[in-house]
């Protein structure tokens, strides 16, 4: 089993996510500093890796972070075969349960490619 190394302390990450949720507007308000948004995104990326360790799916939330998760074939070179990418507000909405994976995909708010690029069983966190 792969153990993920946390860079964001759990309480700091939860606090940032709570601040984003309290803003109630998708986190685009000046009431949510960019540093808080970045911390919330990075914490959620670390959390999904902790819950689904592995290297078969790459989750990208530019410009804040990227992680690899989900057990399966390990990717080592070039573009990964299973990639998920979305903006920070979409990621945090899915993580918090405000937006389902299926709705995010159908609305075009998530780009997902590859057979394993489906986080519906892992979200919300």
C-alpha atoms as a PDB file:
ATOM      1  CA  UNK A   1       0.000   0.000   0.000  1.00  0.00           C
ATOM      2  CA  UNK A   2       1.275   3.449  -0.914  1.00  0.00           C
ATOM      3  CA  UNK A   3       1.124   6.013   1.863  1.00  0.00           C
ATOM      4  CA  UNK A   4       0.637   9.555   0.657  1.00  0.00           C
ATOM      5  CA  UNK A   5       2.655  12.302   2.239  1.00  0.00           C
ATOM      6  CA  UNK A   6       0.609  15.284   3.299  1.00  0.00           C
ATOM      7  CA  UNK A   7       1.902  18.779   2.752  1.00  0.00           C
ATOM      8  CA  UNK A   8      -1.269  20.500   3.961  1.00  0.00           C
ATOM      9  CA  UNK A   9      -2.025  19.808   7.630  1.00  0.00           C
ATOM     10  CA  UNK A  10      -5.472  18.198   7.904  1.00  0.00           C
ATOM     11  CA  UNK A  11      -6.949  20.894  10.150  1.00  0.00           C
ATOM     12  CA  UNK A  12      -5.623  23.663   7.890  1.00  0.00           C
ATOM     13  CA  UNK A  13      -7.107  21.931   4.847  1.00  0.00           C
ATOM     14  CA  UNK A  14     -10.480  21.402   6.491  1.00  0.00           C
ATOM     15  CA  UNK A  15     -10.519  25.031   7.604  1.00  0.00           C
ATOM     16  CA  UNK A  16      -9.788  26.239   4.060  1.00  0.00           C
ATOM     17  CA  UNK A  17     -12.521  24.006   2.640  1.00  0.00           C
ATOM     18  CA  UNK A  18     -14.961  25.281   5.272  1.00  0.00           C
ATOM     19  CA  UNK A  19     -14.094  28.883   4.356  1.00  0.00           C
ATOM     20  CA  UNK A  20     -14.734  28.116   0.680  1.00  0.00           C
ATOM     21  CA  UNK A  21     -18.062  26.489   1.539  1.00  0.00           C
ATOM     22  CA  UNK A  22     -19.062  29.415   3.770  1.00  0.00           C
ATOM     23  CA  UNK A  23     -18.554  31.846   0.873  1.00  0.00           C
ATOM     24  CA  UNK A  24     -21.446  30.082  -0.859  1.00  0.00           C
ATOM     25  CA  UNK A  25     -20.648  31.491  -4.298  1.00  0.00           C
ATOM     26  CA  UNK A  26     -18.264  28.932  -5.706  1.00  0.00           C
ATOM     27  CA  UNK A  27     -15.305  30.533  -3.994  1.00  0.00           C
ATOM     28  CA  UNK A  28     -14.931  33.381  -6.465  1.00  0.00           C
ATOM     29  CA  UNK A  29     -15.691  36.024  -3.883  1.00  0.00           C
ATOM     30  CA  UNK A  30     -12.984  38.348  -2.577  1.00  0.00           C
ATOM     31  CA  UNK A  31     -14.028  36.908   0.808  1.00  0.00           C
ATOM     32  CA  UNK A  32     -12.090  33.762  -0.182  1.00  0.00           C
ATOM     33  CA  UNK A  33      -8.421  34.661  -0.628  1.00  0.00           C
ATOM     34  CA  UNK A  34      -6.557  32.884  -3.395  1.00  0.00           C
ATOM     35  CA  UNK A  35      -4.288  31.272  -0.802  1.00  0.00           C
ATOM     36  CA  UNK A  36      -7.330  29.779   0.950  1.00  0.00           C
ATOM     37  CA  UNK A  37      -8.663  28.459  -2.363  1.00  0.00           C
ATOM     38  CA  UNK A  38      -5.264  26.933  -3.154  1.00  0.00           C
ATOM     39  CA  UNK A  39      -5.065  25.294   0.272  1.00  0.00           C
ATOM     40  CA  UNK A  40      -8.577  23.835  -0.060  1.00  0.00           C
ATOM     41  CA  UNK A  41      -7.805  22.396  -3.512  1.00  0.00           C
ATOM     42  CA  UNK A  42      -4.454  20.933  -2.461  1.00  0.00           C
ATOM     43  CA  UNK A  43      -5.949  19.447   0.696  1.00  0.00           C
ATOM     44  CA  UNK A  44      -8.719  17.783  -1.335  1.00  0.00           C
ATOM     45  CA  UNK A  45      -6.176  16.394  -3.813  1.00  0.00           C
ATOM     46  CA  UNK A  46      -4.155  14.956  -0.941  1.00  0.00           C
ATOM     47  CA  UNK A  47      -7.320  13.535   0.607  1.00  0.00           C
ATOM     48  CA  UNK A  48      -8.397  11.692  -2.543  1.00  0.00           C
ATOM     49  CA  UNK A  49      -4.902  10.236  -2.830  1.00  0.00           C
ATOM     50  CA  UNK A  50      -5.058   9.098   0.801  1.00  0.00           C
ATOM     51  CA  UNK A  51      -8.450   7.441   0.230  1.00  0.00           C
ATOM     52  CA  UNK A  52      -7.601   5.916  -3.157  1.00  0.00           C
ATOM     53  CA  UNK A  53      -3.824   5.456  -3.301  1.00  0.00           C
ATOM     54  CA  UNK A  54      -2.253   4.497  -6.592  1.00  0.00           C
ATOM     55  CA  UNK A  55      -0.895   5.880  -9.814  1.00  0.00           C
ATOM     56  CA  UNK A  56      -3.370   4.976 -12.549  1.00  0.00           C
ATOM     57  CA  UNK A  57      -5.392   8.243 -12.649  1.00  0.00           C
ATOM     58  CA  UNK A  58      -3.997  11.759 -12.735  1.00  0.00           C
ATOM     59  CA  UNK A  59      -6.240  14.517 -11.353  1.00  0.00           C
ATOM     60  CA  UNK A  60      -5.320  18.047 -12.438  1.00  0.00           C
ATOM     61  CA  UNK A  61      -6.727  21.246 -10.955  1.00  0.00           C
ATOM     62  CA  UNK A  62      -4.699  24.020 -12.591  1.00  0.00           C
ATOM     63  CA  UNK A  63      -3.004  26.131 -11.445  1.00  0.00           C
ATOM     64  CA  UNK A  64      -3.218  24.747  -7.918  1.00  0.00           C
ATOM     65  CA  UNK A  65      -2.195  21.123  -8.069  1.00  0.00           C
ATOM     66  CA  UNK A  66      -2.093  17.643  -9.500  1.00  0.00           C
ATOM     67  CA  UNK A  67      -2.099  14.178  -7.968  1.00  0.00           C
ATOM     68  CA  UNK A  68      -2.063  10.571  -8.988  1.00  0.00           C
ATOM     69  CA  UNK A  69      -4.493   8.179  -7.351  1.00  0.00           C
ATOM     70  CA  UNK A  70      -6.483   4.953  -7.818  1.00  0.00           C
ATOM     71  CA  UNK A  71      -4.811   1.555  -7.926  1.00  0.00           C
ATOM     72  CA  UNK A  72      -4.064   0.057 -11.295  1.00  0.00           C
ATOM     73  CA  UNK A  73      -1.375   0.082 -13.929  1.00  0.00           C
ATOM     74  CA  UNK A  74       1.390   2.511 -13.037  1.00  0.00           C
ATOM     75  CA  UNK A  75       2.081   5.311 -15.489  1.00  0.00           C
ATOM     76  CA  UNK A  76       5.727   6.334 -15.879  1.00  0.00           C
ATOM     77  CA  UNK A  77       6.295   8.342 -19.086  1.00  0.00           C
ATOM     78  CA  UNK A  78       4.468  10.833 -21.278  1.00  0.00           C
ATOM     79  CA  UNK A  79       0.825  11.793 -20.944  1.00  0.00           C
ATOM     80  CA  UNK A  80      -1.020   9.485 -18.539  1.00  0.00           C
ATOM     81  CA  UNK A  81      -3.759   7.329 -20.103  1.00  0.00           C
ATOM     82  CA  UNK A  82      -6.306   8.337 -17.440  1.00  0.00           C
ATOM     83  CA  UNK A  83      -6.556  12.084 -16.857  1.00  0.00           C
ATOM     84  CA  UNK A  84      -9.162  14.200 -15.102  1.00  0.00           C
ATOM     85  CA  UNK A  85      -8.978  17.986 -15.263  1.00  0.00           C
ATOM     86  CA  UNK A  86     -11.226  20.741 -13.961  1.00  0.00           C
ATOM     87  CA  UNK A  87     -11.114  24.196 -12.411  1.00  0.00           C
ATOM     88  CA  UNK A  88     -10.877  24.782  -8.671  1.00  0.00           C
ATOM     89  CA  UNK A  89     -14.542  25.677  -8.130  1.00  0.00           C
ATOM     90  CA  UNK A  90     -15.709  22.523  -9.916  1.00  0.00           C
ATOM     91  CA  UNK A  91     -13.262  20.348  -7.993  1.00  0.00           C
ATOM     92  CA  UNK A  92     -14.311  21.735  -4.621  1.00  0.00           C
ATOM     93  CA  UNK A  93     -18.001  21.513  -5.535  1.00  0.00           C
ATOM     94  CA  UNK A  94     -17.566  17.814  -6.353  1.00  0.00           C
ATOM     95  CA  UNK A  95     -15.443  17.176  -3.254  1.00  0.00           C
ATOM     96  CA  UNK A  96     -18.025  18.834  -0.998  1.00  0.00           C
ATOM     97  CA  UNK A  97     -21.048  17.152  -2.595  1.00  0.00           C
ATOM     98  CA  UNK A  98     -22.493  20.340  -4.097  1.00  0.00           C
ATOM     99  CA  UNK A  99     -22.010  18.932  -7.612  1.00  0.00           C
ATOM    100  CA  UNK A 100     -22.132  15.279  -8.618  1.00  0.00           C
ATOM    101  CA  UNK A 101     -19.495  13.707 -10.821  1.00  0.00           C
ATOM    102  CA  UNK A 102     -22.138  12.846 -13.444  1.00  0.00           C
ATOM    103  CA  UNK A 103     -23.479  16.411 -13.530  1.00  0.00           C
ATOM    104  CA  UNK A 104     -19.991  17.912 -13.750  1.00  0.00           C
ATOM    105  CA  UNK A 105     -19.118  15.664 -16.686  1.00  0.00           C
ATOM    106  CA  UNK A 106     -22.429  16.217 -18.488  1.00  0.00           C
ATOM    107  CA  UNK A 107     -22.107  20.002 -18.057  1.00  0.00           C
ATOM    108  CA  UNK A 108     -18.610  19.903 -19.546  1.00  0.00           C
ATOM    109  CA  UNK A 109     -17.027  21.184 -16.330  1.00  0.00           C
ATOM    110  CA  UNK A 110     -14.734  18.132 -16.135  1.00  0.00           C
ATOM    111  CA  UNK A 111     -12.516  16.759 -18.865  1.00  0.00           C
ATOM    112  CA  UNK A 112     -12.017  13.037 -18.289  1.00  0.00           C
ATOM    113  CA  UNK A 113     -10.163  10.683 -20.597  1.00  0.00           C
ATOM    114  CA  UNK A 114      -9.295   7.033 -20.165  1.00  0.00           C
ATOM    115  CA  UNK A 115     -11.092   3.932 -18.963  1.00  0.00           C
ATOM    116  CA  UNK A 116     -10.309   4.597 -15.289  1.00  0.00           C
ATOM    117  CA  UNK A 117     -11.031   8.336 -15.377  1.00  0.00           C
ATOM    118  CA  UNK A 118     -14.172   8.182 -13.270  1.00  0.00           C
ATOM    119  CA  UNK A 119     -14.233   9.436  -9.690  1.00  0.00           C
ATOM    120  CA  UNK A 120     -17.971   8.910  -9.125  1.00  0.00           C
ATOM    121  CA  UNK A 121     -17.274   6.184  -6.564  1.00  0.00           C
ATOM    122  CA  UNK A 122     -14.870   8.405  -4.599  1.00  0.00           C
ATOM    123  CA  UNK A 123     -16.718  11.721  -4.519  1.00  0.00           C
ATOM    124  CA  UNK A 124     -17.851  13.498  -2.466  1.00  0.00           C
ATOM    125  CA  UNK A 125     -15.014  13.083   0.034  1.00  0.00           C
END
